[in-house]
């Protein structure tokens, strides 16, 4: 038996054990990693040499009405990313509101600063000399 044929036979046998719920070497997860471990082959045997067996495995998993573990993890990750995106949207909206308020404050302070500088630059004609009171004599 050629090594490739033996490898294919081991992968098919491992596929049947995992799908039957009786794994011998792996944790029985519905993943390519578990299938490769169960078959005693490197993972790249399924991802590079025997793509048809990998596809067949996932087809059988889906035919049973189950979702492969890798797909479940990806779906969970997708949900988490969507939640984070919504959180980011809310944060961006809050920051935009804060930015608008800060721009208004900076504008108001700029106007006030300009007024104060103008007042300092012009002599104040409102300054008056107050009369002094006579000193009491001893």
Protein backbone atom coordinates (compact mmCIF):
# COMPACT_ATOMS: atom_id res chain seq x y z
CA UNK A 1 0.00 0.00 0.00
CA UNK A 2 1.45 3.40 -0.92
CA UNK A 3 2.01 5.97 1.82
CA UNK A 4 -0.58 8.33 0.30
CA UNK A 5 -3.19 5.56 0.07
CA UNK A 6 -2.44 4.46 3.64
CA UNK A 7 -2.74 8.08 4.78
CA UNK A 8 -6.09 8.48 3.02
CA UNK A 9 -7.35 5.23 4.60
CA UNK A 10 -6.24 6.40 8.06
CA UNK A 11 -7.98 9.75 7.53
CA UNK A 12 -11.21 8.05 6.44
CA UNK A 13 -11.10 5.68 9.44
CA UNK A 14 -10.45 8.63 11.77
CA UNK A 15 -13.33 10.52 10.16
CA UNK A 16 -15.70 7.63 10.90
CA UNK A 17 -14.52 7.35 14.52
CA UNK A 18 -14.96 11.06 15.17
CA UNK A 19 -18.37 11.18 13.52
CA UNK A 20 -19.41 8.10 15.50
CA UNK A 21 -18.37 9.85 18.71
CA UNK A 22 -15.66 7.30 19.50
CA UNK A 23 -12.30 9.04 18.99
CA UNK A 24 -9.20 7.14 20.07
CA UNK A 25 -6.41 9.73 19.83
CA UNK A 26 -8.10 13.13 19.68
CA UNK A 27 -10.64 15.10 21.66
CA UNK A 28 -13.29 14.33 19.05
CA UNK A 29 -13.83 17.93 18.05
CA UNK A 30 -15.28 18.49 14.61
CA UNK A 31 -12.12 20.18 13.32
CA UNK A 32 -9.37 19.41 10.85
CA UNK A 33 -6.86 19.48 13.72
CA UNK A 34 -8.77 16.79 15.63
CA UNK A 35 -9.18 14.75 12.44
CA UNK A 36 -5.45 14.94 11.70
CA UNK A 37 -4.60 13.97 15.28
CA UNK A 38 -7.06 11.09 15.18
CA UNK A 39 -5.59 9.86 11.89
CA UNK A 40 -2.02 10.29 13.07
CA UNK A 41 -1.13 12.55 10.15
CA UNK A 42 0.16 16.12 10.09
CA UNK A 43 -2.49 18.77 9.73
CA UNK A 44 -1.10 19.90 6.40
CA UNK A 45 -2.00 16.46 5.01
CA UNK A 46 -5.60 17.66 5.16
CA UNK A 47 -4.99 21.29 4.30
CA UNK A 48 -2.62 20.70 1.38
CA UNK A 49 -2.60 17.10 0.10
CA UNK A 50 -6.07 15.75 0.80
CA UNK A 51 -8.35 18.73 0.42
CA UNK A 52 -11.09 16.45 -0.85
CA UNK A 53 -11.08 14.49 2.43
CA UNK A 54 -11.21 17.71 4.44
CA UNK A 55 -14.21 18.86 2.38
CA UNK A 56 -15.81 15.44 2.72
CA UNK A 57 -15.38 15.59 6.51
CA UNK A 58 -17.04 18.99 6.75
CA UNK A 59 -19.80 17.90 4.35
CA UNK A 60 -20.55 14.90 6.57
CA UNK A 61 -20.60 17.10 9.65
CA UNK A 62 -23.06 19.48 8.01
CA UNK A 63 -25.16 16.58 6.68
CA UNK A 64 -25.67 15.47 10.26
CA UNK A 65 -27.09 18.90 11.03
CA UNK A 66 -24.05 19.92 13.06
CA UNK A 67 -21.78 22.86 12.63
CA UNK A 68 -18.02 22.29 12.58
CA UNK A 69 -16.27 23.60 15.69
CA UNK A 70 -14.13 25.93 13.62
CA UNK A 71 -17.25 27.50 12.14
CA UNK A 72 -18.79 27.83 15.61
CA UNK A 73 -15.68 29.63 16.84
CA UNK A 74 -15.72 31.93 13.82
CA UNK A 75 -19.40 32.73 14.37
CA UNK A 76 -18.72 33.53 18.03
CA UNK A 77 -15.81 35.72 17.03
CA UNK A 78 -17.99 37.46 14.46
CA UNK A 79 -20.65 38.20 17.10
CA UNK A 80 -18.00 39.56 19.46
CA UNK A 81 -16.59 41.78 16.71
CA UNK A 82 -20.06 43.08 15.89
CA UNK A 83 -20.59 43.95 19.56
CA UNK A 84 -17.24 45.72 19.68
CA UNK A 85 -18.14 47.62 16.51
CA UNK A 86 -21.40 48.80 18.10
CA UNK A 87 -19.50 49.85 21.22
CA UNK A 88 -17.04 51.74 19.02
CA UNK A 89 -19.91 53.49 17.20
CA UNK A 90 -21.34 54.66 20.54
CA UNK A 91 -17.93 55.84 21.70
CA UNK A 92 -17.32 57.74 18.45
CA UNK A 93 -20.72 59.45 18.75
CA UNK A 94 -19.91 60.46 22.33
CA UNK A 95 -16.48 61.76 21.33
CA UNK A 96 -17.97 63.77 18.46
CA UNK A 97 -20.43 65.38 20.88
CA UNK A 98 -17.59 66.16 23.29
CA UNK A 99 -15.51 67.59 20.45
CA UNK A 100 -18.30 69.94 19.38
CA UNK A 101 -18.69 71.18 22.95
CA UNK A 102 -14.95 71.72 23.27
CA UNK A 103 -14.82 73.62 19.98
CA UNK A 104 -17.57 75.94 21.25
CA UNK A 105 -15.66 76.54 24.49
CA UNK A 106 -12.40 77.24 22.65
CA UNK A 107 -14.21 79.68 20.37
CA UNK A 108 -15.78 81.50 23.33
CA UNK A 109 -12.44 81.71 25.12
CA UNK A 110 -10.77 83.03 21.96
CA UNK A 111 -13.37 85.80 21.67
CA UNK A 112 -12.99 86.71 25.37
CA UNK A 113 -9.19 86.68 25.07
CA UNK A 114 -9.34 89.01 22.05
CA UNK A 115 -11.61 91.40 23.98
CA UNK A 116 -9.30 91.43 26.99
CA UNK A 117 -6.23 92.08 24.82
CA UNK A 118 -8.04 94.95 23.11
CA UNK A 119 -8.96 96.46 26.47
CA UNK A 120 -5.36 96.19 27.67
CA UNK A 121 -4.03 97.82 24.51
CA UNK A 122 -6.24 100.93 24.80
CA UNK A 123 -5.75 103.42 27.60
CA UNK A 124 -8.54 103.45 30.11
CA UNK A 125 -10.17 106.86 30.29
CA UNK A 126 -12.31 105.83 33.18
CA UNK A 127 -9.50 106.12 35.69
CA UNK A 128 -10.15 109.05 38.03
CA UNK A 129 -8.05 110.53 40.73
CA UNK A 130 -9.86 110.44 44.01
CA UNK A 131 -9.64 113.48 46.26
CA UNK A 132 -7.56 112.98 49.30
CA UNK A 133 -8.89 113.69 52.73
CA UNK A 134 -7.18 116.20 54.95
CA UNK A 135 -5.09 114.77 57.71
CA UNK A 136 -6.22 115.37 61.22
CA UNK A 137 -3.96 117.72 63.19
CA UNK A 138 -2.57 116.74 66.47
